[in-house]
């Protein structure tokens, strides 16, 4: 008997409406403006404390909304990813699921077409930000000295930590490179 296959219209692209919603809610210009206003007349220690508070809150909310909308706006890539995780009894959950939501988060707020993934395996997920709009905004609004303190690192680190925790994945997150020193920021999550 001859089988008949139906052509399915799959989309492998992230939903543009989802990206637009995230871009509007988590516009880096808004968070850097909030930080700029908060540090006026403050000492270096106070600037670090303000940066930690503002960017940690931003990172936590940004990644949670990215995950929520990523699940509400699935595409074929996400469906295949879930099938792979399911077929391995959840073994591939780290680092496939975190990569998916990190890509959504960064692609919605940065002027990049891909999030450079340096390593993705069962033990480590490593990604890099070379041309960061958040850092550029900080440099323009606060000057190079304040930007080089990288208060924005708290958003990236908190987002990655929160995501792994919310997904029930025990991981150690660290920053392996910094734009002022290395020309890019690099973050790594290692299975704990």
Protein backbone atom coordinates (compact mmCIF):
# COMPACT_ATOMS: atom_id res chain seq x y z
CA UNK A 1 0.00 0.00 0.00
CA UNK A 2 1.28 3.40 -0.94
CA UNK A 3 1.59 5.88 1.95
CA UNK A 4 0.59 9.44 1.40
CA UNK A 5 2.57 12.10 3.21
CA UNK A 6 1.12 15.47 3.96
CA UNK A 7 3.42 18.42 3.61
CA UNK A 8 3.55 20.29 6.87
CA UNK A 9 4.28 23.95 7.14
CA UNK A 10 6.93 24.04 9.81
CA UNK A 11 8.56 27.20 11.02
CA UNK A 12 12.06 26.87 12.40
CA UNK A 13 12.33 30.59 13.11
CA UNK A 14 11.65 32.33 16.39
CA UNK A 15 8.28 34.04 16.35
CA UNK A 16 8.78 37.74 15.48
CA UNK A 17 5.83 38.78 17.67
CA UNK A 18 7.44 37.08 20.66
CA UNK A 19 10.77 38.80 19.99
CA UNK A 20 9.02 42.16 19.63
CA UNK A 21 7.18 41.73 22.95
CA UNK A 22 10.44 40.93 24.73
CA UNK A 23 12.32 43.75 22.99
CA UNK A 24 9.72 46.27 24.10
CA UNK A 25 9.55 45.03 27.68
CA UNK A 26 13.29 44.55 28.17
CA UNK A 27 14.68 47.32 25.98
CA UNK A 28 18.32 47.76 27.03
CA UNK A 29 17.96 51.52 26.64
CA UNK A 30 15.38 51.52 29.45
CA UNK A 31 17.48 49.53 31.91
CA UNK A 32 20.66 51.48 31.15
CA UNK A 33 18.76 54.76 31.57
CA UNK A 34 17.41 53.55 34.92
CA UNK A 35 20.94 52.63 36.01
CA UNK A 36 22.37 55.94 34.78
CA UNK A 37 19.81 57.88 36.79
CA UNK A 38 20.39 55.75 39.90
CA UNK A 39 24.16 56.29 40.02
CA UNK A 40 24.24 60.07 39.71
CA UNK A 41 26.55 61.44 42.39
CA UNK A 42 27.35 57.99 43.81
CA UNK A 43 30.68 56.51 44.86
CA UNK A 44 32.28 53.50 43.15
CA UNK A 45 30.95 51.16 45.85
CA UNK A 46 27.46 52.59 45.52
CA UNK A 47 27.64 52.28 41.73
CA UNK A 48 28.50 48.58 42.07
CA UNK A 49 25.62 48.03 44.52
CA UNK A 50 23.14 49.87 42.24
CA UNK A 51 24.35 47.89 39.23
CA UNK A 52 23.97 44.60 41.06
CA UNK A 53 20.45 45.41 42.24
CA UNK A 54 19.14 46.86 38.98
CA UNK A 55 20.70 44.34 36.60
CA UNK A 56 19.98 41.27 38.74
CA UNK A 57 16.29 42.18 38.81
CA UNK A 58 16.35 42.86 35.06
CA UNK A 59 18.13 39.53 34.34
CA UNK A 60 15.75 37.49 36.47
CA UNK A 61 12.63 39.03 34.89
CA UNK A 62 14.09 38.99 31.37
CA UNK A 63 14.91 35.28 31.37
CA UNK A 64 11.66 34.24 33.04
CA UNK A 65 9.63 36.15 30.47
CA UNK A 66 11.81 34.73 27.67
CA UNK A 67 11.14 31.21 28.91
CA UNK A 68 7.41 31.86 29.35
CA UNK A 69 6.99 33.32 25.88
CA UNK A 70 9.32 30.71 24.36
CA UNK A 71 6.92 28.03 25.57
CA UNK A 72 3.85 30.01 24.44
CA UNK A 73 5.30 30.56 20.94
CA UNK A 74 6.80 27.18 20.03
CA UNK A 75 8.37 26.46 16.65
CA UNK A 76 9.58 23.26 15.02
CA UNK A 77 13.07 23.67 16.44
CA UNK A 78 11.64 23.68 19.96
CA UNK A 79 9.45 20.66 19.20
CA UNK A 80 12.47 18.68 17.94
CA UNK A 81 14.48 19.76 20.97
CA UNK A 82 11.74 18.51 23.31
CA UNK A 83 11.58 15.22 21.40
CA UNK A 84 15.35 14.75 21.81
CA UNK A 85 15.13 15.48 25.52
CA UNK A 86 12.22 13.07 25.88
CA UNK A 87 13.93 10.28 23.90
CA UNK A 88 16.98 10.49 26.17
CA UNK A 89 14.92 10.35 29.33
CA UNK A 90 15.74 13.98 30.07
CA UNK A 91 19.51 13.49 29.83
CA UNK A 92 19.89 16.14 27.11
CA UNK A 93 17.83 18.70 29.05
CA UNK A 94 21.16 20.25 29.95
CA UNK A 95 22.26 22.05 27.79
CA UNK A 96 19.60 22.00 25.05
CA UNK A 97 16.77 23.63 27.00
CA UNK A 98 18.88 26.44 28.53
CA UNK A 99 20.43 27.27 25.15
CA UNK A 100 16.98 27.66 23.62
CA UNK A 101 15.78 30.22 26.17
CA UNK A 102 19.08 32.09 26.29
CA UNK A 103 18.91 32.48 22.51
CA UNK A 104 15.40 33.89 22.77
CA UNK A 105 16.47 36.33 25.49
CA UNK A 106 19.55 37.64 23.70
CA UNK A 107 18.07 37.71 20.20
CA UNK A 108 15.16 39.76 21.48
CA UNK A 109 17.27 42.46 23.14
CA UNK A 110 20.52 42.59 21.18
CA UNK A 111 21.18 43.53 17.55
CA UNK A 112 22.53 40.08 16.71
CA UNK A 113 21.27 37.37 14.38
CA UNK A 114 22.74 34.45 16.36
CA UNK A 115 23.99 33.91 19.88
CA UNK A 116 27.50 32.49 19.48
CA UNK A 117 27.49 29.11 21.20
CA UNK A 118 31.06 28.09 21.91
CA UNK A 119 30.28 24.79 23.58
CA UNK A 120 27.11 22.76 24.10
CA UNK A 121 27.37 19.25 25.45
CA UNK A 122 26.11 17.19 28.39
CA UNK A 123 28.57 18.92 30.74
CA UNK A 124 28.92 22.54 29.59
CA UNK A 125 27.07 25.33 27.84
CA UNK A 126 29.27 28.25 26.86
CA UNK A 127 28.12 31.32 24.94
CA UNK A 128 29.70 34.61 23.98
CA UNK A 129 28.55 38.21 23.51
CA UNK A 130 30.91 40.09 21.20
CA UNK A 131 28.92 43.17 20.27
CA UNK A 132 26.75 43.95 23.28
CA UNK A 133 24.19 46.74 23.02
CA UNK A 134 23.87 46.94 26.79
CA UNK A 135 27.58 47.59 27.20
CA UNK A 136 27.53 50.14 24.35
CA UNK A 137 24.58 51.96 25.96
CA UNK A 138 26.36 52.05 29.32
CA UNK A 139 29.49 53.43 27.66
CA UNK A 140 27.49 56.18 25.92
CA UNK A 141 25.44 57.13 28.99
CA UNK A 142 27.87 56.61 31.85
CA UNK A 143 31.30 56.76 30.24
CA UNK A 144 33.91 54.10 29.66
CA UNK A 145 35.06 53.92 33.28
CA UNK A 146 31.60 52.97 34.59
CA UNK A 147 30.85 50.72 31.60
CA UNK A 148 34.10 48.84 32.21
CA UNK A 149 32.88 47.97 35.72
CA UNK A 150 30.39 45.78 33.82
CA UNK A 151 27.36 46.29 36.03
CA UNK A 152 25.45 44.59 33.18
CA UNK A 153 27.24 41.29 33.95
CA UNK A 154 24.78 40.88 36.80
CA UNK A 155 21.92 40.63 34.26
CA UNK A 156 23.65 37.92 32.23
CA UNK A 157 24.85 35.91 35.23
CA UNK A 158 21.50 36.16 37.03
CA UNK A 159 19.58 35.24 33.87
CA UNK A 160 21.69 32.12 33.34
CA UNK A 161 21.54 31.09 37.01
CA UNK A 162 17.78 31.73 37.25
CA UNK A 163 17.09 29.81 34.06
CA UNK A 164 18.97 26.71 35.18
CA UNK A 165 17.37 26.84 38.63
CA UNK A 166 13.87 27.30 37.17
CA UNK A 167 14.44 24.39 34.78
CA UNK A 168 15.51 22.22 37.72
CA UNK A 169 19.06 21.87 36.41
CA UNK A 170 21.90 22.00 38.92
CA UNK A 171 24.60 24.10 37.22
CA UNK A 172 27.48 26.33 38.18
CA UNK A 173 27.48 29.58 36.19
CA UNK A 174 30.51 31.79 35.74
CA UNK A 175 31.82 34.58 33.59
CA UNK A 176 34.91 33.45 31.70
CA UNK A 177 35.72 36.62 29.72
CA UNK A 178 34.94 40.34 29.88
CA UNK A 179 34.61 42.91 27.09
CA UNK A 180 37.11 45.43 28.55
CA UNK A 181 39.85 42.80 28.90
CA UNK A 182 39.04 40.19 26.24
CA UNK A 183 36.93 42.07 23.68
CA UNK A 184 33.84 39.96 24.46
CA UNK A 185 31.93 38.57 27.40
CA UNK A 186 31.70 34.81 27.76
CA UNK A 187 29.48 32.87 30.14
CA UNK A 188 29.65 29.21 31.02
CA UNK A 189 27.23 26.89 32.76
CA UNK A 190 28.71 23.62 33.97
CA UNK A 191 26.62 20.70 35.12
CA UNK A 192 27.09 20.44 38.89
